[in-house]
Amino acid sequence: MARHRPNAPPARKGVSPSCVVLPAGPWPTLLDFLLERFPSVPPADWRARLEAGEVVDAEGQTASAHDAPTPGRRLYYYRSVPAEPRIPFEATVLWQDEHLLVVDKPHFLPVIPSGKYVQETLLVRLKAQLGLDALSPIHRIDRDTAGLVLFSVNPATRNAYQALFRDRVVDKTYQCIAPSNPALPWPIHRESRIGQGAHFMQQAEVPGPVNAITDIDVLETHGAWARYQLRPLTGQRHQLRVHMAALGLPLLFDGIYPTLTPEDATDYRRPLQLLAQHIAFTDPITGEARSFASQRSLLTLQNL
C-alpha cells in the first residue's frame, strides 16, 4: 500500500524532488505526457523510475506509466544525470547558525543543480553533508567563479536575508585578474544595460535603461596583467565579466567572454580568475554587523 505523503517527499542524497503539475492535454497515458514534456530524458529512464515507484503524487500515491494524466495532479520525481562527472574540489563552511550558512566555494562547482550537474553541486553536497533539507541559496555566483555564497538555513527567516540583496544593502567585493590598461581613467564607475547576447550562454551590453552598475579599480599591476577590485552595485547575470570585457579587459581564463568555448573544454588547470572575496551586511535578525572574507586567492601576477 502506498504511504500517505501530503507534502513533497524528502531529499535523497541531498537532492530535493522536482515537481510537475499535469496540464489538460491529449496524452493517453502518464508516460506519454512525460516523454513529451521531457524529451531529453530517454524513455527507458522514465519507465525505470515509474516501475521502481520513484514517481509519486502529493498524496504519496505511486504513479504508474499507464495512469491517465489527470489535470492538476502534482507529481514528484528525482532528477538524475547518468555518469555525472566528479568535480575534484571542495567547499569550506565559514559560518553557520540557525538562520545562515556562509560557504567558500571552489572554482568549477555549480551552486545549484543544472544541466549535467546534480550531485556535483554546492547545494546538494551541503544538504547531504550537513543534513539540512531546507537549505536554499540566498544568492548565486557562476560555476566558474570562486568565493563566498550565502545560504538560508531556516525558511521562516529566509525572506529577511533575501531582502538584503533585493534592497541592495549588501556590500560585495570581488577580485579578478585581467589585462592591464593604465590609459583608462581609473577608478571606473561602469553603468550600462545588460541583456541577452549573441549566444544564449552570453550576456552583452545593450541599448536601454541602466540595470547594471559596477565600481572597478586597480589593486596592482605587473607587466601585461593587473589585479582589479570589483564592487557590483547590482546583480545582473555575468555582470562583472560583461563589464570587464566591454572595457577591453576580459578576465584571464574566461571561457565565455569574449569568445565562447565548448563546455566540455573545461581545464581544471585554468580556473577563471574571478573571486567573490568579501561580503558585509547588517544581520536582519540579530542587528549585528556581519563581515566574511574568502580564504581563497587568485594567481600571483608575478607568475603570469
Protein backbone atom coordinates (compact mmCIF):
# COMPACT_ATOMS: atom_id res chain seq x y z
CA MET A 1 0.00 0.00 0.00
CA ALA A 2 1.30 3.48 -0.84
CA ARG A 3 2.26 5.59 2.12
CA HIS A 4 0.27 8.79 2.63
CA ARG A 5 2.51 11.78 1.94
CA PRO A 6 0.63 15.07 1.79
CA ASN A 7 3.78 17.06 1.05
CA ALA A 8 6.83 16.67 -1.17
CA PRO A 9 8.96 13.60 -0.41
CA PRO A 10 12.24 14.23 1.43
CA ALA A 11 15.57 14.93 -0.20
CA ARG A 12 17.52 11.91 -1.39
CA LYS A 13 21.32 12.10 -1.18
CA GLY A 14 20.90 15.85 -0.84
CA VAL A 15 18.67 16.16 -3.93
CA SER A 16 15.23 17.62 -3.33
CA PRO A 17 12.47 16.24 -5.56
CA SER A 18 11.42 18.10 -8.66
CA CYS A 19 7.73 18.69 -9.30
CA VAL A 20 5.46 18.79 -12.33
CA VAL A 21 1.73 19.54 -12.34
CA LEU A 22 -0.18 17.72 -15.06
CA PRO A 23 -1.98 20.03 -17.52
CA ALA A 24 -5.01 19.17 -19.60
CA GLY A 25 -3.95 17.55 -22.84
CA PRO A 26 -4.33 14.76 -25.37
CA TRP A 27 -1.91 12.22 -23.83
CA PRO A 28 -3.44 8.72 -23.40
CA THR A 29 -1.10 7.80 -20.52
CA LEU A 30 1.13 9.46 -17.95
CA LEU A 31 4.19 8.03 -19.69
CA ASP A 32 3.16 9.69 -22.96
CA PHE A 33 2.96 13.04 -21.17
CA LEU A 34 6.37 12.62 -19.50
CA LEU A 35 8.05 11.68 -22.75
CA GLU A 36 6.68 14.79 -24.47
CA ARG A 37 7.31 17.11 -21.51
CA PHE A 38 10.91 15.92 -21.00
CA PRO A 39 12.23 14.96 -24.46
CA SER A 40 15.87 14.96 -23.28
CA VAL A 41 15.18 12.10 -20.83
CA PRO A 42 15.42 8.67 -22.50
CA PRO A 43 12.11 6.74 -22.46
CA ALA A 44 13.81 3.83 -20.70
CA ASP A 45 14.73 6.14 -17.79
CA TRP A 46 11.11 7.19 -17.21
CA ARG A 47 9.90 3.60 -17.45
CA ALA A 48 12.52 2.52 -14.91
CA ARG A 49 11.62 5.33 -12.50
CA LEU A 50 7.91 4.56 -12.72
CA GLU A 51 8.41 0.80 -12.32
CA ALA A 52 10.64 1.43 -9.28
CA GLY A 53 7.94 3.59 -7.64
CA GLU A 54 10.14 6.70 -7.76
CA VAL A 55 7.39 8.98 -9.12
CA VAL A 56 4.70 9.84 -6.53
CA ASP A 57 1.92 12.37 -6.23
CA ALA A 58 1.15 14.87 -3.45
CA GLU A 59 -0.80 12.22 -1.55
CA GLY A 60 2.07 9.74 -1.64
CA GLN A 61 0.42 7.55 -4.27
CA THR A 62 2.85 5.82 -6.59
CA ALA A 63 2.37 6.83 -10.23
CA SER A 64 2.14 4.24 -12.99
CA ALA A 65 3.18 4.53 -16.61
CA HIS A 66 -0.38 3.58 -17.64
CA ASP A 67 -2.15 6.12 -15.38
CA ALA A 68 -4.46 8.56 -17.09
CA PRO A 69 -2.80 12.02 -16.91
CA THR A 70 -5.35 13.69 -14.62
CA PRO A 71 -5.11 17.51 -14.96
CA GLY A 72 -3.90 19.17 -11.76
CA ARG A 73 -2.24 16.04 -10.36
CA ARG A 74 1.08 17.05 -8.78
CA LEU A 75 3.92 14.59 -9.33
CA TYR A 76 7.30 14.45 -7.63
CA TYR A 77 10.42 12.82 -9.05
CA TYR A 78 14.19 12.98 -8.54
CA ARG A 79 16.45 14.37 -11.22
CA SER A 80 19.32 12.13 -12.18
CA VAL A 81 22.23 12.51 -14.55
CA PRO A 82 23.92 9.42 -15.99
CA ALA A 83 27.68 9.26 -15.46
CA GLU A 84 27.81 12.65 -13.71
CA PRO A 85 31.46 13.75 -13.68
CA ARG A 86 33.07 14.25 -10.29
CA ILE A 87 34.29 17.80 -9.62
CA PRO A 88 37.52 17.34 -7.61
CA PHE A 89 37.28 20.45 -5.43
CA GLU A 90 35.66 21.00 -2.04
CA ALA A 91 33.86 23.94 -0.45
CA THR A 92 34.62 25.27 3.03
CA VAL A 93 31.95 26.26 5.56
CA LEU A 94 32.95 29.59 7.12
CA TRP A 95 29.90 30.29 9.31
CA GLN A 96 26.73 28.56 10.43
CA ASP A 97 23.97 29.48 12.84
CA GLU A 98 20.24 28.70 12.98
CA HIS A 99 19.50 31.12 10.13
CA LEU A 100 22.54 31.49 7.93
CA LEU A 101 25.27 29.40 6.29
CA VAL A 102 28.29 31.06 4.64
CA VAL A 103 30.37 28.90 2.30
CA ASP A 104 33.63 29.45 0.43
CA LYS A 105 33.04 27.83 -2.99
CA PRO A 106 35.79 26.50 -5.26
CA HIS A 107 36.00 27.22 -8.95
CA PHE A 108 34.09 24.87 -11.29
CA LEU A 109 31.43 23.79 -8.76
CA PRO A 110 27.86 24.89 -9.69
CA VAL A 111 25.76 26.36 -6.87
CA ILE A 112 22.52 24.56 -7.79
CA PRO A 113 21.57 21.59 -9.99
CA SER A 114 21.55 22.48 -13.66
CA GLY A 115 22.31 20.75 -16.94
CA LYS A 116 24.62 17.78 -16.42
CA TYR A 117 25.24 18.51 -12.74
CA VAL A 118 23.01 17.37 -9.85
CA GLN A 119 25.06 15.62 -7.16
CA GLU A 120 28.13 17.63 -8.12
CA THR A 121 26.68 20.96 -7.00
CA LEU A 122 27.30 23.04 -3.91
CA LEU A 123 23.69 22.92 -2.69
CA VAL A 124 23.32 19.14 -2.99
CA ARG A 125 26.70 18.46 -1.41
CA LEU A 126 25.87 20.71 1.55
CA LYS A 127 22.43 19.16 2.07
CA ALA A 128 23.94 15.70 2.16
CA GLN A 129 26.92 16.75 4.31
CA LEU A 130 25.00 18.80 6.88
CA GLY A 131 21.60 17.12 6.79
CA LEU A 132 19.83 20.41 6.05
CA ASP A 133 16.99 19.59 3.66
CA ALA A 134 15.58 23.13 3.85
CA LEU A 135 18.86 24.75 2.77
CA SER A 136 18.46 27.30 -0.03
CA PRO A 137 20.89 29.76 -1.65
CA ILE A 138 20.16 33.41 -0.88
CA HIS A 139 22.14 34.50 -3.93
CA ARG A 140 24.33 32.78 -6.52
CA ILE A 141 27.66 33.09 -8.25
CA ASP A 142 28.68 31.45 -11.52
CA ARG A 143 30.01 27.92 -11.64
CA ASP A 144 33.30 29.35 -12.93
CA THR A 145 33.61 31.86 -10.05
CA ALA A 146 35.10 31.00 -6.66
CA GLY A 147 34.31 32.58 -3.32
CA LEU A 148 31.50 33.42 -0.94
CA VAL A 149 27.94 32.10 -1.19
CA LEU A 150 25.23 32.64 1.45
CA PHE A 151 22.54 30.06 2.19
CA SER A 152 19.34 30.28 4.21
CA VAL A 153 19.01 27.53 6.82
CA ASN A 154 15.58 28.50 8.18
CA PRO A 155 12.65 29.02 5.76
CA ALA A 156 10.91 31.23 8.35
CA THR A 157 13.66 33.86 8.14
CA ARG A 158 14.70 33.32 4.51
CA ASN A 159 12.92 36.35 3.10
CA ALA A 160 14.68 38.69 5.53
CA TYR A 161 18.07 37.68 4.11
CA GLN A 162 16.86 37.68 0.51
CA ALA A 163 15.63 41.23 1.05
CA LEU A 164 19.22 42.33 1.72
CA PHE A 165 20.06 41.55 -1.90
CA ARG A 166 16.77 42.85 -3.31
CA ASP A 167 17.28 46.15 -1.48
CA ARG A 168 20.99 46.33 -2.42
CA VAL A 169 22.22 46.76 1.14
CA VAL A 170 24.91 44.09 0.87
CA ASP A 171 28.49 45.26 0.30
CA LYS A 172 30.09 42.78 -2.13
CA THR A 173 33.72 42.91 -3.23
CA TYR A 174 35.29 40.76 -5.93
CA GLN A 175 38.81 40.45 -7.25
CA CYS A 176 39.85 39.47 -10.75
CA ILE A 177 42.89 39.27 -12.99
CA ALA A 178 42.68 40.79 -16.45
CA PRO A 179 44.94 42.66 -18.90
CA SER A 180 46.45 45.91 -17.69
CA ASN A 181 45.49 49.21 -19.30
CA PRO A 182 46.91 52.24 -17.46
CA ALA A 183 45.46 54.54 -20.13
CA LEU A 184 41.92 54.05 -18.81
CA PRO A 185 40.64 56.66 -16.32
CA TRP A 186 40.88 54.67 -13.06
CA PRO A 187 38.82 54.19 -10.97
CA ILE A 188 35.91 53.46 -13.32
CA HIS A 189 32.21 53.64 -12.48
CA ARG A 190 30.58 51.48 -15.14
CA GLU A 191 26.85 51.85 -15.82
CA SER A 192 25.08 50.06 -18.66
CA ARG A 193 22.19 47.84 -19.58
CA ILE A 194 22.96 44.13 -19.76
CA GLY A 195 20.76 41.80 -21.79
CA GLN A 196 20.90 38.67 -23.93
CA GLY A 197 23.99 38.35 -26.08
CA ALA A 198 24.58 36.68 -29.43
CA HIS A 199 24.57 33.21 -27.83
CA PHE A 200 22.22 32.01 -25.09
CA MET A 201 25.25 31.47 -22.84
CA GLN A 202 26.37 35.08 -23.24
CA GLN A 203 25.15 38.42 -21.98
CA ALA A 204 26.05 41.76 -23.54
CA GLU A 205 25.74 45.49 -23.05
CA VAL A 206 22.63 46.56 -24.97
CA PRO A 207 20.74 49.82 -25.51
CA GLY A 208 18.21 50.83 -22.88
CA PRO A 209 17.89 52.00 -19.27
CA VAL A 210 20.74 51.16 -16.92
CA ASN A 211 20.33 47.91 -14.97
CA ALA A 212 23.98 47.09 -14.18
CA ILE A 213 26.42 49.17 -12.14
CA THR A 214 29.97 48.24 -11.14
CA ASP A 215 32.79 50.18 -9.48
CA ILE A 216 36.18 49.00 -10.79
CA ASP A 217 39.68 49.88 -9.60
CA VAL A 218 43.24 48.61 -9.99
CA LEU A 219 44.85 46.91 -6.97
CA GLU A 220 48.22 46.05 -8.53
CA THR A 221 49.89 45.78 -11.92
CA HIS A 222 52.73 43.57 -13.14
CA GLY A 223 53.68 43.61 -16.80
CA ALA A 224 50.74 42.90 -19.06
CA TRP A 225 48.39 41.86 -16.21
CA ALA A 226 46.63 43.60 -13.36
CA ARG A 227 44.61 42.63 -10.31
CA TYR A 228 41.33 44.52 -10.03
CA GLN A 229 38.78 45.17 -7.31
CA LEU A 230 35.17 44.98 -8.46
CA ARG A 231 32.21 46.22 -6.44
CA PRO A 232 28.89 45.33 -8.12
CA LEU A 233 26.05 47.59 -7.02
CA THR A 234 23.54 45.47 -8.97
CA GLY A 235 23.33 41.75 -9.67
CA GLN A 236 22.84 41.05 -13.37
CA ARG A 237 23.88 37.69 -14.79
CA HIS A 238 27.60 37.72 -15.73
CA GLN A 239 27.71 41.42 -14.86
CA LEU A 240 31.37 41.61 -13.87
CA ARG A 241 32.56 39.55 -16.81
CA VAL A 242 30.49 41.62 -19.25
CA HIS A 243 31.65 44.96 -17.85
CA MET A 244 35.31 43.97 -17.90
CA ALA A 245 35.05 42.57 -21.43
CA ALA A 246 33.31 45.75 -22.58
CA LEU A 247 36.31 47.73 -21.33
CA GLY A 248 38.58 45.54 -23.43
CA LEU A 249 39.75 43.70 -20.31
CA PRO A 250 38.39 40.13 -20.48
CA LEU A 251 39.15 38.08 -17.40
CA LEU A 252 42.03 35.63 -17.50
CA PHE A 253 40.85 32.11 -18.50
CA ASP A 254 37.29 33.26 -19.24
CA GLY A 255 35.68 30.64 -21.47
CA ILE A 256 32.62 32.76 -22.29
CA TYR A 257 33.83 36.33 -22.87
CA PRO A 258 34.75 37.49 -25.38
CA THR A 259 34.89 34.05 -27.10
CA LEU A 260 32.61 31.16 -26.16
CA THR A 261 34.42 27.83 -25.82
CA PRO A 262 32.77 24.38 -25.70
CA GLU A 263 31.55 23.32 -22.25
CA ASP A 264 33.48 20.06 -22.47
CA ALA A 265 36.69 22.07 -22.91
CA THR A 266 36.88 22.76 -19.15
CA ASP A 267 40.51 22.77 -17.97
CA TYR A 268 40.89 22.46 -14.19
CA ARG A 269 44.40 23.90 -14.52
CA ARG A 270 42.99 27.21 -15.80
CA PRO A 271 40.26 28.47 -13.43
CA LEU A 272 38.53 31.73 -14.26
CA GLN A 273 40.37 34.44 -12.37
CA LEU A 274 37.35 35.84 -10.56
CA LEU A 275 36.80 35.60 -6.81
CA ALA A 276 33.86 36.68 -4.63
CA GLN A 277 36.29 37.90 -2.00
CA HIS A 278 34.33 39.78 0.67
CA ILE A 279 30.75 40.38 1.76
CA ALA A 280 29.35 42.56 4.55
CA PHE A 281 25.87 43.43 5.78
CA THR A 282 23.78 44.05 8.87
CA ASP A 283 22.13 40.83 10.00
CA PRO A 284 18.36 41.42 9.63
CA ILE A 285 17.55 39.08 12.52
CA THR A 286 20.15 39.99 15.16
CA GLY A 287 21.08 43.51 14.03
CA GLU A 288 24.78 42.56 14.21
CA ALA A 289 27.34 43.63 11.62
CA ARG A 290 28.42 40.63 9.56
CA SER A 291 31.60 40.50 7.52
CA PHE A 292 33.04 37.47 5.73
CA ALA A 293 36.18 37.04 3.63
CA SER A 294 37.10 34.22 1.28
CA GLN A 295 40.10 32.10 2.20
CA ARG A 296 40.82 31.50 -1.48
CA SER A 297 43.12 33.50 -3.71
CA LEU A 298 43.75 34.13 -7.38
CA LEU A 299 47.02 33.66 -9.23
CA THR A 300 50.08 35.74 -8.38
CA LEU A 301 50.75 38.33 -11.08
CA GLN A 302 54.49 37.74 -10.95
CA ASN A 303 53.92 34.13 -12.06
CA LEU A 304 51.96 35.03 -15.19
